[in-house]
C-alpha atoms as a PDB file:
ATOM      1  CA  MET A   1     104.054 -14.798-231.216  1.00  0.00           C
ATOM      2  CA  LYS A   2     102.306 -15.126-227.863  1.00  0.00           C
ATOM      3  CA  ASN A   3     104.092 -13.902-224.765  1.00  0.00           C
ATOM      4  CA  SER A   4     105.139 -16.617-222.335  1.00  0.00           C
ATOM      5  CA  LYS A   5     103.359 -16.855-219.008  1.00  0.00           C
ATOM      6  CA  SER A   6     106.485 -15.652-217.219  1.00  0.00           C
ATOM      7  CA  VAL A   7     106.593 -12.469-219.331  1.00  0.00           C
ATOM      8  CA  VAL A   8     102.896 -11.826-218.676  1.00  0.00           C
ATOM      9  CA  PHE A   9     103.282 -12.427-214.933  1.00  0.00           C
ATOM     10  CA  ARG A  10     106.279 -10.078-214.708  1.00  0.00           C
ATOM     11  CA  ARG A  11     104.361  -7.342-216.512  1.00  0.00           C
ATOM     12  CA  GLN A  12     101.303  -7.788-214.312  1.00  0.00           C
ATOM     13  CA  GLN A  13     103.451  -7.736-211.169  1.00  0.00           C
ATOM     14  CA  ALA A  14     105.060  -4.510-212.399  1.00  0.00           C
ATOM     15  CA  LEU A  15     101.618  -3.008-213.057  1.00  0.00           C
ATOM     16  CA  LEU A  16     100.500  -3.979-209.553  1.00  0.00           C
ATOM     17  CA  ARG A  17     103.591  -2.258-208.133  1.00  0.00           C
ATOM     18  CA  LEU A  18     102.660   0.921-210.016  1.00  0.00           C
ATOM     19  CA  LEU A  19      99.155   0.736-208.594  1.00  0.00           C
ATOM     20  CA  LYS A  20     100.464   0.156-205.086  1.00  0.00           C
ATOM     21  CA  GLU A  21     102.856   3.096-205.339  1.00  0.00           C
ATOM     22  CA  ASN A  22     100.488   5.573-207.014  1.00  0.00           C
ATOM     23  CA  ARG A  23      96.999   4.263-206.111  1.00  0.00           C
ATOM     24  CA  THR A  24      95.735   5.646-209.450  1.00  0.00           C
ATOM     25  CA  ILE A  25      97.260   5.139-212.899  1.00  0.00           C
ATOM     26  CA  ASP A  26      96.359   6.144-216.417  1.00  0.00           C
ATOM     27  CA  VAL A  27      96.649   3.639-219.226  1.00  0.00           C
ATOM     28  CA  ASP A  28      98.956   5.614-221.521  1.00  0.00           C
ATOM     29  CA  THR A  29     101.490   6.430-218.792  1.00  0.00           C
ATOM     30  CA  ALA A  30     101.560   2.837-217.547  1.00  0.00           C
ATOM     31  CA  ALA A  31     101.988   1.571-221.114  1.00  0.00           C
ATOM     32  CA  ALA A  32     104.952   3.899-221.648  1.00  0.00           C
ATOM     33  CA  GLN A  33     106.573   2.933-218.342  1.00  0.00           C
ATOM     34  CA  LEU A  34     106.216  -0.792-218.975  1.00  0.00           C
ATOM     35  CA  ASP A  35     106.986  -0.515-222.705  1.00  0.00           C
ATOM     36  CA  VAL A  36     103.814  -2.272-223.840  1.00  0.00           C
ATOM     37  CA  SER A  37     100.700  -1.203-225.730  1.00  0.00           C
ATOM     38  CA  ALA A  38      97.773   0.585-224.132  1.00  0.00           C
ATOM     39  CA  THR A  39      95.596  -2.350-225.215  1.00  0.00           C
ATOM     40  CA  THR A  40      97.746  -4.709-223.148  1.00  0.00           C
ATOM     41  CA  ILE A  41      97.427  -2.500-220.058  1.00  0.00           C
ATOM     42  CA  ARG A  42      93.649  -2.303-220.506  1.00  0.00           C
ATOM     43  CA  ARG A  43      93.455  -6.089-220.730  1.00  0.00           C
ATOM     44  CA  ASP A  44      95.442  -6.465-217.499  1.00  0.00           C
ATOM     45  CA  LEU A  45      93.255  -3.898-215.758  1.00  0.00           C
ATOM     46  CA  VAL A  46      90.118  -5.763-216.833  1.00  0.00           C
ATOM     47  CA  MET A  47      91.560  -8.889-215.199  1.00  0.00           C
ATOM     48  CA  PHE A  48      92.405  -6.965-212.023  1.00  0.00           C
ATOM     49  CA  GLU A  49      88.881  -5.525-211.977  1.00  0.00           C
ATOM     50  CA  GLN A  50      87.431  -9.043-212.219  1.00  0.00           C
ATOM     51  CA  GLN A  51      89.587  -9.953-209.201  1.00  0.00           C
ATOM     52  CA  HIS A  52      88.168  -6.908-207.352  1.00  0.00           C
ATOM     53  CA  LEU A  53      91.588  -5.256-207.078  1.00  0.00           C
ATOM     54  CA  VAL A  54      90.860  -2.062-209.031  1.00  0.00           C
ATOM     55  CA  LYS A  55      88.047   0.201-210.103  1.00  0.00           C
ATOM     56  CA  ARG A  56      88.419   1.214-213.725  1.00  0.00           C
ATOM     57  CA  PHE A  57      87.504   4.596-215.124  1.00  0.00           C
ATOM     58  CA  HIS A  58      87.876   6.107-218.577  1.00  0.00           C
ATOM     59  CA  GLY A  59      91.592   6.058-219.394  1.00  0.00           C
ATOM     60  CA  GLY A  60      92.811   4.465-216.186  1.00  0.00           C
ATOM     61  CA  ALA A  61      92.150   2.664-212.929  1.00  0.00           C
ATOM     62  CA  GLU A  62      92.288   3.143-209.166  1.00  0.00           C
ATOM     63  CA  LEU A  63      93.474   0.555-206.666  1.00  0.00           C
ATOM     64  CA  ILE A  64      90.714  -0.451-204.251  1.00  0.00           C
ATOM     65  CA  GLU A  65      91.926   0.253-200.720  1.00  0.00           C
ATOM     66  CA  GLY A  66      92.970  -2.819-198.726  1.00  0.00           C
ATOM     67  CA  THR A  67      92.742  -5.314-201.579  1.00  0.00           C
ATOM     68  CA  LEU A  68      96.439  -5.922-202.261  1.00  0.00           C
ATOM     69  CA  LYS A  69      97.484  -8.076-199.343  1.00  0.00           C
ATOM     70  CA  GLU A  70     101.076  -8.397-198.193  1.00  0.00           C
ATOM     71  CA  GLU A  71     103.020 -11.360-199.494  1.00  0.00           C
ATOM     72  CA  ASP A  72     103.945 -14.232-197.226  1.00  0.00           C
ATOM     73  CA  THR A  73     107.741 -14.324-197.316  1.00  0.00           C
ATOM     74  CA  PRO A  74     109.063 -17.674-196.102  1.00  0.00           C
ATOM     75  CA  THR A  75     112.699 -17.797-195.059  1.00  0.00           C
ATOM     76  CA  ALA A  76     115.233 -20.597-195.164  1.00  0.00           C
ATOM     77  CA  ASP A  77     114.288 -21.203-191.514  1.00  0.00           C
ATOM     78  CA  PRO A  78     110.488 -21.540-191.463  1.00  0.00           C
ATOM     79  CA  LYS A  79     110.580 -22.342-187.739  1.00  0.00           C
ATOM     80  CA  SER A  80     111.397 -18.684-187.077  1.00  0.00           C
ATOM     81  CA  ARG A  81     107.883 -17.546-188.000  1.00  0.00           C
ATOM     82  CA  VAL A  82     105.172 -16.602-185.513  1.00  0.00           C
ATOM     83  CA  ASP A  83     102.917 -19.540-186.415  1.00  0.00           C
ATOM     84  CA  ALA A  84     105.828 -22.023-186.350  1.00  0.00           C
ATOM     85  CA  GLU A  85     104.133 -24.431-183.929  1.00  0.00           C
ATOM     86  CA  GLN A  86     101.112 -24.834-186.208  1.00  0.00           C
ATOM     87  CA  LYS A  87     103.353 -25.251-189.225  1.00  0.00           C
ATOM     88  CA  GLN A  88     105.435 -27.863-187.474  1.00  0.00           C
ATOM     89  CA  VAL A  89     102.562 -30.133-186.449  1.00  0.00           C
ATOM     90  CA  ILE A  90     100.846 -29.724-189.837  1.00  0.00           C
ATOM     91  CA  ALA A  91     104.099 -30.618-191.618  1.00  0.00           C
ATOM     92  CA  GLN A  92     104.634 -33.576-189.304  1.00  0.00           C
ATOM     93  CA  TYR A  93     101.185 -34.979-190.001  1.00  0.00           C
ATOM     94  CA  ALA A  94     101.531 -34.389-193.747  1.00  0.00           C
ATOM     95  CA  ALA A  95     104.877 -36.206-193.764  1.00  0.00           C
ATOM     96  CA  SER A  96     103.228 -39.242-192.140  1.00  0.00           C
ATOM     97  CA  LEU A  97     101.073 -39.575-195.278  1.00  0.00           C
ATOM     98  CA  VAL A  98     104.111 -40.008-197.522  1.00  0.00           C
ATOM     99  CA  GLU A  99     104.819 -43.639-198.354  1.00  0.00           C
ATOM    100  CA  ASP A 100     107.988 -45.440-199.348  1.00  0.00           C
ATOM    101  CA  GLY A 101     108.481 -45.114-203.110  1.00  0.00           C
ATOM    102  CA  ASP A 102     106.328 -41.986-203.482  1.00  0.00           C
ATOM    103  CA  THR A 103     107.062 -39.131-205.827  1.00  0.00           C
ATOM    104  CA  ILE A 104     105.538 -35.989-204.340  1.00  0.00           C
ATOM    105  CA  PHE A 105     105.077 -32.351-205.284  1.00  0.00           C
ATOM    106  CA  MET A 106     105.758 -29.688-202.662  1.00  0.00           C
ATOM    107  CA  ASN A 107     105.195 -26.050-203.561  1.00  0.00           C
ATOM    108  CA  SER A 108     107.139 -23.050-202.259  1.00  0.00           C
ATOM    109  CA  SER A 109     105.362 -22.837-198.906  1.00  0.00           C
ATOM    110  CA  SER A 110     107.416 -22.815-195.703  1.00  0.00           C
ATOM    111  CA  THR A 111     105.063 -25.424-194.213  1.00  0.00           C
ATOM    112  CA  THR A 112     105.664 -27.934-196.995  1.00  0.00           C
ATOM    113  CA  LEU A 113     109.416 -27.368-196.670  1.00  0.00           C
ATOM    114  CA  MET A 114     109.225 -28.411-193.009  1.00  0.00           C
ATOM    115  CA  MET A 115     107.903 -31.808-194.105  1.00  0.00           C
ATOM    116  CA  LEU A 116     111.535 -32.666-194.856  1.00  0.00           C
ATOM    117  CA  ASP A 117     112.146 -32.755-191.081  1.00  0.00           C
ATOM    118  CA  TYR A 118     109.777 -35.708-190.769  1.00  0.00           C
ATOM    119  CA  ILE A 119     110.172 -37.835-193.902  1.00  0.00           C
ATOM    120  CA  LYS A 120     112.479 -40.512-192.515  1.00  0.00           C
ATOM    121  CA  ASP A 121     113.638 -43.964-193.648  1.00  0.00           C
ATOM    122  CA  LYS A 122     111.612 -43.844-196.862  1.00  0.00           C
ATOM    123  CA  ARG A 123     112.743 -43.694-200.476  1.00  0.00           C
ATOM    124  CA  VAL A 124     110.940 -40.576-201.646  1.00  0.00           C
ATOM    125  CA  ILE A 125     111.392 -38.208-204.580  1.00  0.00           C
ATOM    126  CA  VAL A 126     110.430 -34.627-203.741  1.00  0.00           C
ATOM    127  CA  VAL A 127     109.792 -32.253-206.652  1.00  0.00           C
ATOM    128  CA  THR A 128     109.627 -28.640-205.496  1.00  0.00           C
ATOM    129  CA  ASN A 129     109.900 -25.045-206.685  1.00  0.00           C
ATOM    130  CA  ASN A 130     111.223 -23.922-203.286  1.00  0.00           C
ATOM    131  CA  SER A 131     114.883 -22.985-203.786  1.00  0.00           C
ATOM    132  CA  ASN A 132     115.393 -23.057-199.993  1.00  0.00           C
ATOM    133  CA  ALA A 133     115.196 -26.858-200.274  1.00  0.00           C
ATOM    134  CA  ILE A 134     118.768 -26.897-201.657  1.00  0.00           C
ATOM    135  CA  TYR A 135     120.309 -26.400-198.218  1.00  0.00           C
ATOM    136  CA  TYR A 136     117.511 -27.750-196.047  1.00  0.00           C
ATOM    137  CA  PRO A 137     118.550 -30.856-194.029  1.00  0.00           C
ATOM    138  CA  HIS A 138     116.806 -34.050-195.116  1.00  0.00           C
ATOM    139  CA  ASP A 139     117.053 -37.821-194.883  1.00  0.00           C
ATOM    140  CA  PRO A 140     119.633 -39.320-197.280  1.00  0.00           C
ATOM    141  CA  GLN A 141     116.956 -41.538-198.813  1.00  0.00           C
ATOM    142  CA  VAL A 142     115.010 -38.445-199.916  1.00  0.00           C
ATOM    143  CA  THR A 143     115.886 -37.194-203.405  1.00  0.00           C
ATOM    144  CA  ILE A 144     115.098 -33.547-204.054  1.00  0.00           C
ATOM    145  CA  ILE A 145     114.444 -32.325-207.594  1.00  0.00           C
ATOM    146  CA  LEU A 146     114.130 -28.586-208.164  1.00  0.00           C
ATOM    147  CA  THR A 147     111.899 -27.476-211.005  1.00  0.00           C
ATOM    148  CA  GLY A 148     114.391 -24.866-212.127  1.00  0.00           C
ATOM    149  CA  GLY A 149     113.103 -21.596-213.529  1.00  0.00           C
ATOM    150  CA  GLU A 150     113.291 -17.934-212.642  1.00  0.00           C
ATOM    151  CA  ILE A 151     113.804 -17.021-208.982  1.00  0.00           C
ATOM    152  CA  TYR A 152     111.062 -14.882-207.500  1.00  0.00           C
ATOM    153  CA  GLN A 153     113.381 -13.085-205.097  1.00  0.00           C
ATOM    154  CA  ARG A 154     111.034 -12.117-202.282  1.00  0.00           C
ATOM    155  CA  ARG A 155     110.047 -15.737-201.642  1.00  0.00           C
ATOM    156  CA  LYS A 156     112.975 -17.576-203.256  1.00  0.00           C
ATOM    157  CA  SER A 157     110.459 -19.565-205.277  1.00  0.00           C
ATOM    158  CA  LEU A 158     111.095 -20.870-208.783  1.00  0.00           C
ATOM    159  CA  VAL A 159     108.545 -19.756-211.361  1.00  0.00           C
ATOM    160  CA  GLY A 160     108.068 -19.251-215.086  1.00  0.00           C
ATOM    161  CA  GLU A 161     108.004 -21.348-218.244  1.00  0.00           C
ATOM    162  CA  PHE A 162     111.011 -23.521-217.416  1.00  0.00           C
ATOM    163  CA  ALA A 163     109.515 -24.571-214.068  1.00  0.00           C
ATOM    164  CA  LEU A 164     106.175 -25.312-215.709  1.00  0.00           C
ATOM    165  CA  GLN A 165     107.810 -27.391-218.448  1.00  0.00           C
ATOM    166  CA  THR A 166     109.605 -29.478-215.817  1.00  0.00           C
ATOM    167  CA  LEU A 167     106.328 -30.223-214.061  1.00  0.00           C
ATOM    168  CA  THR A 168     104.613 -31.317-217.293  1.00  0.00           C
ATOM    169  CA  LYS A 169     107.106 -34.207-217.496  1.00  0.00           C
ATOM    170  CA  ILE A 170     106.363 -35.575-214.011  1.00  0.00           C
ATOM    171  CA  ASN A 171     103.473 -37.571-212.585  1.00  0.00           C
ATOM    172  CA  ALA A 172     103.359 -37.344-208.794  1.00  0.00           C
ATOM    173  CA  ASP A 173     101.646 -39.686-206.356  1.00  0.00           C
ATOM    174  CA  LYS A 174     100.696 -36.888-203.985  1.00  0.00           C
ATOM    175  CA  ALA A 175     100.794 -33.082-203.951  1.00  0.00           C
ATOM    176  CA  PHE A 176     101.297 -30.942-200.845  1.00  0.00           C
ATOM    177  CA  ILE A 177     100.312 -27.312-201.412  1.00  0.00           C
ATOM    178  CA  GLY A 178     100.721 -24.490-198.922  1.00  0.00           C
ATOM    179  CA  VAL A 179      98.345 -21.582-199.518  1.00  0.00           C
ATOM    180  CA  GLY A 180      97.753 -17.955-198.615  1.00  0.00           C
ATOM    181  CA  GLY A 181      94.065 -18.662-198.120  1.00  0.00           C
ATOM    182  CA  ILE A 182      91.394 -21.291-198.724  1.00  0.00           C
ATOM    183  CA  SER A 183      87.612 -21.104-198.780  1.00  0.00           C
ATOM    184  CA  VAL A 184      84.738 -22.670-200.666  1.00  0.00           C
ATOM    185  CA  ALA A 185      83.796 -19.349-202.256  1.00  0.00           C
ATOM    186  CA  SER A 186      87.297 -18.245-203.300  1.00  0.00           C
ATOM    187  CA  GLY A 187      89.123 -21.548-203.712  1.00  0.00           C
ATOM    188  CA  ILE A 188      92.884 -21.782-203.168  1.00  0.00           C
ATOM    189  CA  THR A 189      94.513 -18.369-203.271  1.00  0.00           C
ATOM    190  CA  THR A 190      97.993 -16.906-202.949  1.00  0.00           C
ATOM    191  CA  SER A 191      99.614 -13.487-202.726  1.00  0.00           C
ATOM    192  CA  VAL A 192     102.086 -14.162-205.557  1.00  0.00           C
ATOM    193  CA  LEU A 193     100.769 -14.110-209.111  1.00  0.00           C
ATOM    194  CA  PRO A 194     103.597 -16.120-210.780  1.00  0.00           C
ATOM    195  CA  GLU A 195     103.139 -18.982-208.311  1.00  0.00           C
ATOM    196  CA  THR A 196      99.520 -19.599-209.308  1.00  0.00           C
ATOM    197  CA  ALA A 197     100.505 -21.399-212.517  1.00  0.00           C
ATOM    198  CA  ILE A 198     103.003 -23.590-210.609  1.00  0.00           C
ATOM    199  CA  ASN A 199     100.440 -24.582-207.979  1.00  0.00           C
ATOM    200  CA  GLU A 200      97.858 -25.270-210.666  1.00  0.00           C
ATOM    201  CA  MET A 201     100.259 -27.454-212.663  1.00  0.00           C
ATOM    202  CA  MET A 202     101.266 -29.446-209.564  1.00  0.00           C
ATOM    203  CA  MET A 203      97.624 -30.228-208.837  1.00  0.00           C
ATOM    204  CA  ARG A 204      96.985 -31.116-212.471  1.00  0.00           C
ATOM    205  CA  ARG A 205      99.960 -33.503-212.689  1.00  0.00           C
ATOM    206  CA  CYS A 206      99.173 -35.233-209.390  1.00  0.00           C
ATOM    207  CA  GLN A 207      97.780 -38.726-209.936  1.00  0.00           C
ATOM    208  CA  GLY A 208      96.728 -39.209-206.306  1.00  0.00           C
ATOM    209  CA  SER A 209      95.562 -37.022-203.448  1.00  0.00           C
ATOM    210  CA  CYS A 210      96.080 -33.275-203.271  1.00  0.00           C
ATOM    211  CA  TYR A 211      96.659 -32.012-199.734  1.00  0.00           C
ATOM    212  CA  VAL A 212      96.394 -28.357-198.771  1.00  0.00           C
ATOM    213  CA  LEU A 213      98.427 -27.334-195.724  1.00  0.00           C
ATOM    214  CA  ALA A 214      97.134 -24.221-193.979  1.00  0.00           C
ATOM    215  CA  ALA A 215      97.363 -22.696-190.509  1.00  0.00           C
ATOM    216  CA  ARG A 216      93.944 -21.979-188.983  1.00  0.00           C
ATOM    217  CA  GLN A 217      94.047 -18.233-189.702  1.00  0.00           C
ATOM    218  CA  LYS A 218      94.184 -18.986-193.438  1.00  0.00           C
ATOM    219  CA  ILE A 219      90.851 -20.855-193.423  1.00  0.00           C
ATOM    220  CA  GLY A 220      88.194 -18.578-194.895  1.00  0.00           C
ATOM    221  CA  ARG A 221      90.861 -16.084-195.935  1.00  0.00           C
ATOM    222  CA  GLU A 222      91.042 -14.810-199.501  1.00  0.00           C
ATOM    223  CA  HIS A 223      94.275 -13.717-201.112  1.00  0.00           C
ATOM    224  CA  ASN A 224      94.593 -11.912-204.420  1.00  0.00           C
ATOM    225  CA  PHE A 225      95.323 -14.658-206.937  1.00  0.00           C
ATOM    226  CA  LEU A 226      93.569 -17.955-207.633  1.00  0.00           C
ATOM    227  CA  SER A 227      95.566 -21.208-207.854  1.00  0.00           C
ATOM    228  CA  GLY A 228      92.582 -23.536-208.125  1.00  0.00           C
ATOM    229  CA  THR A 229      88.976 -24.166-207.196  1.00  0.00           C
ATOM    230  CA  ILE A 230      87.991 -26.143-204.137  1.00  0.00           C
ATOM    231  CA  ASP A 231      87.159 -29.262-206.165  1.00  0.00           C
ATOM    232  CA  LYS A 232      90.909 -29.718-206.776  1.00  0.00           C
ATOM    233  CA  VAL A 233      91.475 -30.341-203.050  1.00  0.00           C
ATOM    234  CA  ASP A 234      91.089 -33.784-201.485  1.00  0.00           C
ATOM    235  CA  THR A 235      92.231 -33.016-197.945  1.00  0.00           C
ATOM    236  CA  LEU A 236      92.898 -29.903-195.861  1.00  0.00           C
ATOM    237  CA  ILE A 237      95.348 -30.248-192.971  1.00  0.00           C
ATOM    238  CA  THR A 238      95.071 -27.493-190.371  1.00  0.00           C
ATOM    239  CA  CYS A 239      94.887 -26.931-186.604  1.00  0.00           C
ATOM    240  CA  PRO A 240      91.810 -26.602-184.351  1.00  0.00           C
ATOM    241  CA  GLY A 241      90.367 -23.130-183.927  1.00  0.00           C
ATOM    242  CA  ALA A 242      89.722 -22.223-187.564  1.00  0.00           C
ATOM    243  CA  ASN A 243      86.472 -20.579-188.658  1.00  0.00           C
ATOM    244  CA  ALA A 244      83.885 -23.241-187.756  1.00  0.00           C
ATOM    245  CA  ASP A 245      81.399 -22.253-190.473  1.00  0.00           C
ATOM    246  CA  GLU A 246      84.086 -22.416-193.146  1.00  0.00           C
ATOM    247  CA  ILE A 247      85.281 -25.830-191.933  1.00  0.00           C
ATOM    248  CA  LYS A 248      81.700 -27.096-192.078  1.00  0.00           C
ATOM    249  CA  ASN A 249      81.288 -25.638-195.561  1.00  0.00           C
ATOM    250  CA  LEU A 250      84.515 -27.262-196.786  1.00  0.00           C
ATOM    251  CA  ARG A 251      83.403 -30.662-195.518  1.00  0.00           C
ATOM    252  CA  ALA A 252      79.981 -30.193-197.105  1.00  0.00           C
ATOM    253  CA  ASN A 253      81.753 -29.626-200.409  1.00  0.00           C
ATOM    254  CA  GLY A 254      83.678 -32.888-200.256  1.00  0.00           C
ATOM    255  CA  VAL A 255      86.941 -31.756-198.672  1.00  0.00           C
ATOM    256  CA  GLU A 256      88.270 -33.983-195.897  1.00  0.00           C
ATOM    257  CA  VAL A 257      89.410 -31.708-193.057  1.00  0.00           C
ATOM    258  CA  ILE A 258      92.029 -32.983-190.617  1.00  0.00           C
ATOM    259  CA  GLU A 259      92.651 -30.851-187.529  1.00  0.00           C
ATOM    260  CA  VAL A 260      95.998 -31.589-185.886  1.00  0.00           C
ATOM    261  CA  ASN A 261      96.554 -30.595-182.253  1.00  0.00           C
ATOM    262  CA  GLU A 262      99.522 -28.301-181.697  1.00  0.00           C
ATOM    263  CA  THR A 263     100.814 -30.516-178.892  1.00  0.00           C
ATOM    264  CA  ARG A 264     101.637 -33.298-181.389  1.00  0.00           C
ATOM    265  CA  GLN A 265     105.329 -34.249-181.108  1.00  0.00           C
ATOM    266  CA  ASP A 266     107.181 -37.564-181.332  1.00  0.00           C
END
């Protein structure tokens, strides 16, 4: 019987923790610690090598210095973050694109969560894997549906097979995806492996436009794990000041880029 995606992701996250702690691991020791076969560990290490995270050698692997980037850890109050002003104006603009009667996907990003501040006087169904949405204030006409699933504690996101199965039963009019990084070369990337499948499924089940929400410092940035290629993105919403060459490249590859001034307030 094949392992579920959630089991695979948990194992791979555990293997990455071992690499981060020890820098170098050998296959047999890692297999014993994680209670899996050596063949399974080798397969995971091949994947990590393809993602340029490790350098393999006979019987083991070494973490490549500086490749495992720190996770973004959104809180229940996304306005408390350093780049809150960018997030706020990006969320405000994104919310203006939501129409009465829409069903929308919002992933676990703190920027997408802030859209709830600005969706007003519209009947909207929001489907999200962000557990912080439970207590986040929102307009009474907005219905929030959580995907369910396992809680990824560091980000309070919902992941795993249950969350994916929920998404397969929903067709959304629009998808709003916050990212760790976006570029033409690397696509849409994130720091959290289990969230890649959720982001990918949201984009797949979206019948309309897919919007990526990203502060300017994330343009041209590459995180560790791929959620989707650039052809899955219709529109990028960011702020002025991002890497000009990357913005030009994104537009040349068919992505509409909207730059929202940070002074925008109603």
